């Protein structure tokens, strides 16, 4: 459970950094910023890096759904 919370927090921070840097918000671009928080070359981090990737996908999917919902309401 705590790994999931940590992965989501890191994903949100990477998304924020990606957005501030002006990169388009895609999973691939956000992954570039994950290395600022976790060293993916360390074997022990493999599980958390995988969880971060899933969290990034979930957050971006939610943002897309919210954006489409807002467009249909206007």
N, C-alpha and C. Protein backbone atom coordinates (compact mmCIF):
# COMPACT_ATOMS: atom_id res chain seq x y z
N UNK A 1 0.82 -1.19 0.00
CA UNK A 1 0.00 0.00 0.00
C UNK A 1 0.87 1.25 0.00
N UNK A 2 1.90 1.28 0.85
CA UNK A 2 2.74 2.47 0.93
C UNK A 2 3.54 2.67 -0.35
N UNK A 3 3.91 1.55 -1.00
CA UNK A 3 4.61 1.68 -2.29
C UNK A 3 3.70 2.35 -3.31
N UNK A 4 2.44 2.00 -3.30
CA UNK A 4 1.47 2.58 -4.23
C UNK A 4 1.31 4.08 -3.98
N UNK A 5 1.23 4.47 -2.73
CA UNK A 5 1.11 5.88 -2.38
C UNK A 5 2.37 6.63 -2.81
N UNK A 6 3.53 6.05 -2.53
CA UNK A 6 4.79 6.67 -2.93
C UNK A 6 4.91 6.79 -4.44
N UNK A 7 4.48 5.75 -5.16
CA UNK A 7 4.54 5.77 -6.62
C UNK A 7 3.65 6.87 -7.18
N UNK A 8 2.47 7.02 -6.60
CA UNK A 8 1.55 8.06 -7.06
C UNK A 8 2.10 9.45 -6.76
N UNK A 9 2.71 9.62 -5.60
CA UNK A 9 3.30 10.92 -5.26
C UNK A 9 4.44 11.27 -6.22
N UNK A 10 5.29 10.30 -6.51
CA UNK A 10 6.40 10.54 -7.44
C UNK A 10 5.85 10.81 -8.84
N UNK A 11 4.83 10.08 -9.25
CA UNK A 11 4.22 10.30 -10.56
C UNK A 11 3.68 11.72 -10.66
N UNK A 12 3.00 12.18 -9.63
CA UNK A 12 2.45 13.54 -9.64
C UNK A 12 3.56 14.59 -9.70
N UNK A 13 4.64 14.37 -8.99
CA UNK A 13 5.76 15.31 -9.03
C UNK A 13 6.40 15.34 -10.42
N UNK A 14 6.56 14.16 -11.03
CA UNK A 14 7.13 14.09 -12.37
C UNK A 14 6.21 14.76 -13.38
N UNK A 15 4.91 14.59 -13.23
CA UNK A 15 3.93 15.25 -14.11
C UNK A 15 4.03 16.76 -13.95
N UNK A 16 4.14 17.22 -12.73
CA UNK A 16 4.27 18.66 -12.48
C UNK A 16 5.53 19.22 -13.12
N UNK A 17 6.66 18.53 -12.94
CA UNK A 17 7.92 19.00 -13.54
C UNK A 17 7.84 19.00 -15.06
N UNK A 18 7.21 17.98 -15.63
CA UNK A 18 7.05 17.89 -17.08
C UNK A 18 6.22 19.07 -17.59
N UNK A 19 5.14 19.37 -16.89
CA UNK A 19 4.25 20.47 -17.27
C UNK A 19 4.97 21.81 -17.17
N UNK A 20 5.66 22.03 -16.07
CA UNK A 20 6.39 23.29 -15.87
C UNK A 20 7.48 23.46 -16.92
N UNK A 21 8.12 22.36 -17.30
CA UNK A 21 9.18 22.42 -18.31
C UNK A 21 8.63 22.67 -19.71
N UNK A 22 7.32 22.56 -19.87
CA UNK A 22 6.70 22.85 -21.16
C UNK A 22 6.63 21.67 -22.11
N UNK A 23 6.88 20.48 -21.61
CA UNK A 23 6.79 19.29 -22.46
C UNK A 23 5.32 18.88 -22.61
N UNK A 24 4.95 18.32 -23.75
CA UNK A 24 3.59 17.77 -23.87
C UNK A 24 3.40 16.66 -22.83
N UNK A 25 2.22 16.59 -22.28
CA UNK A 25 1.95 15.63 -21.20
C UNK A 25 1.64 14.26 -21.79
N UNK A 26 2.71 13.47 -21.96
CA UNK A 26 2.59 12.08 -22.41
C UNK A 26 3.32 11.21 -21.41
N UNK A 27 2.98 9.94 -21.39
CA UNK A 27 3.65 9.01 -20.47
C UNK A 27 5.16 9.01 -20.73
N UNK A 28 5.54 8.99 -21.99
CA UNK A 28 6.97 8.94 -22.34
C UNK A 28 7.71 10.17 -21.82
N UNK A 29 7.11 11.35 -21.95
CA UNK A 29 7.77 12.57 -21.48
C UNK A 29 7.85 12.60 -19.96
N UNK A 30 6.79 12.19 -19.29
CA UNK A 30 6.79 12.21 -17.83
C UNK A 30 7.82 11.23 -17.28
N UNK A 31 7.97 10.07 -17.91
CA UNK A 31 8.96 9.08 -17.48
C UNK A 31 10.36 9.70 -17.45
N UNK A 32 10.63 10.62 -18.35
CA UNK A 32 11.94 11.28 -18.37
C UNK A 32 12.25 11.98 -17.05
N UNK A 33 11.22 12.45 -16.36
CA UNK A 33 11.41 13.19 -15.12
C UNK A 33 11.42 12.30 -13.88
N UNK A 34 11.05 11.04 -14.01
CA UNK A 34 11.04 10.12 -12.87
C UNK A 34 12.44 9.94 -12.31
N UNK A 35 13.45 9.98 -13.17
CA UNK A 35 14.83 9.82 -12.73
C UNK A 35 15.29 10.89 -11.76
N UNK A 36 14.57 12.01 -11.68
CA UNK A 36 14.88 13.04 -10.69
C UNK A 36 14.54 12.58 -9.28
N UNK A 37 13.69 11.56 -9.17
CA UNK A 37 13.22 11.10 -7.87
C UNK A 37 13.66 9.69 -7.51
N UNK A 38 13.83 8.83 -8.52
CA UNK A 38 14.18 7.43 -8.30
C UNK A 38 15.23 7.04 -9.33
N UNK A 39 16.24 6.30 -8.90
CA UNK A 39 17.27 5.82 -9.83
C UNK A 39 16.82 4.47 -10.40
N UNK A 40 16.36 4.46 -11.65
CA UNK A 40 15.85 3.21 -12.21
C UNK A 40 16.92 2.16 -12.47
N UNK A 41 18.20 2.53 -12.36
CA UNK A 41 19.27 1.55 -12.58
C UNK A 41 19.51 0.67 -11.36
N UNK A 42 18.96 1.05 -10.23
CA UNK A 42 19.09 0.24 -9.02
C UNK A 42 18.04 -0.86 -9.06
N UNK A 43 18.48 -2.09 -8.98
CA UNK A 43 17.58 -3.23 -9.09
C UNK A 43 16.44 -3.22 -8.08
N UNK A 44 16.72 -2.75 -6.87
CA UNK A 44 15.70 -2.73 -5.83
C UNK A 44 14.57 -1.75 -6.15
N UNK A 45 14.80 -0.84 -7.07
CA UNK A 45 13.79 0.16 -7.43
C UNK A 45 12.89 -0.30 -8.57
N UNK A 46 13.15 -1.47 -9.12
CA UNK A 46 12.40 -1.93 -10.30
C UNK A 46 10.90 -1.96 -10.04
N UNK A 47 10.48 -2.45 -8.88
CA UNK A 47 9.05 -2.54 -8.58
C UNK A 47 8.42 -1.16 -8.47
N UNK A 48 9.09 -0.25 -7.78
CA UNK A 48 8.52 1.10 -7.61
C UNK A 48 8.48 1.83 -8.95
N UNK A 49 9.48 1.63 -9.79
CA UNK A 49 9.49 2.27 -11.11
C UNK A 49 8.32 1.77 -11.95
N UNK A 50 8.04 0.48 -11.87
CA UNK A 50 6.88 -0.07 -12.59
C UNK A 50 5.58 0.53 -12.06
N UNK A 51 5.47 0.65 -10.75
CA UNK A 51 4.28 1.23 -10.15
C UNK A 51 4.13 2.71 -10.52
N UNK A 52 5.25 3.42 -10.61
CA UNK A 52 5.22 4.83 -11.01
C UNK A 52 4.68 4.93 -12.44
N UNK A 53 5.14 4.06 -13.31
CA UNK A 53 4.66 4.06 -14.69
C UNK A 53 3.15 3.86 -14.77
N UNK A 54 2.63 2.93 -13.97
CA UNK A 54 1.18 2.69 -13.95
C UNK A 54 0.44 3.91 -13.40
N UNK A 55 1.01 4.53 -12.36
CA UNK A 55 0.37 5.71 -11.77
C UNK A 55 0.35 6.87 -12.76
N UNK A 56 1.42 7.04 -13.52
CA UNK A 56 1.46 8.10 -14.53
C UNK A 56 0.36 7.88 -15.56
N UNK A 57 0.22 6.64 -16.03
CA UNK A 57 -0.82 6.33 -17.01
C UNK A 57 -2.21 6.64 -16.45
N UNK A 58 -2.44 6.28 -15.18
CA UNK A 58 -3.74 6.52 -14.56
C UNK A 58 -4.04 8.01 -14.45
N UNK A 59 -3.05 8.79 -14.03
CA UNK A 59 -3.25 10.23 -13.87
C UNK A 59 -3.52 10.89 -15.22
N UNK A 60 -2.74 10.54 -16.22
CA UNK A 60 -2.93 11.13 -17.55
C UNK A 60 -4.29 10.70 -18.11
N UNK A 61 -4.68 9.45 -17.92
CA UNK A 61 -6.00 9.00 -18.38
C UNK A 61 -7.12 9.79 -17.70
N UNK A 62 -6.98 10.02 -16.40
CA UNK A 62 -7.99 10.79 -15.66
C UNK A 62 -8.07 12.22 -16.18
N UNK A 63 -6.92 12.82 -16.45
CA UNK A 63 -6.91 14.19 -16.98
C UNK A 63 -7.60 14.24 -18.33
N UNK A 64 -7.38 13.23 -19.16
CA UNK A 64 -8.04 13.18 -20.48
C UNK A 64 -9.56 13.06 -20.32
N UNK A 65 -10.00 12.22 -19.41
CA UNK A 65 -11.44 12.04 -19.18
C UNK A 65 -12.05 13.34 -18.68
N UNK A 66 -11.39 13.99 -17.75
CA UNK A 66 -11.88 15.26 -17.22
C UNK A 66 -11.95 16.31 -18.32
N UNK A 67 -10.91 16.35 -19.15
CA UNK A 67 -10.89 17.31 -20.26
C UNK A 67 -12.02 17.08 -21.24
N UNK A 68 -12.27 15.82 -21.58
CA UNK A 68 -13.36 15.51 -22.51
C UNK A 68 -14.71 15.83 -21.89
N UNK A 69 -14.87 15.57 -20.60
CA UNK A 69 -16.12 15.87 -19.91
C UNK A 69 -16.37 17.37 -19.90
N UNK A 70 -15.34 18.14 -19.63
CA UNK A 70 -15.48 19.60 -19.61
C UNK A 70 -15.85 20.13 -21.00
N UNK A 71 -15.31 19.53 -22.04
CA UNK A 71 -15.61 19.97 -23.41
C UNK A 71 -17.07 19.70 -23.77
N UNK A 72 -17.61 18.58 -23.32
CA UNK A 72 -18.99 18.24 -23.67
C UNK A 72 -20.00 19.08 -22.88
N UNK A 73 -19.59 19.61 -21.74
CA UNK A 73 -20.48 20.42 -20.92
C UNK A 73 -20.55 21.86 -21.40
N UNK A 74 -19.59 22.29 -22.21
CA UNK A 74 -19.60 23.68 -22.68
C UNK A 74 -20.29 23.83 -23.99
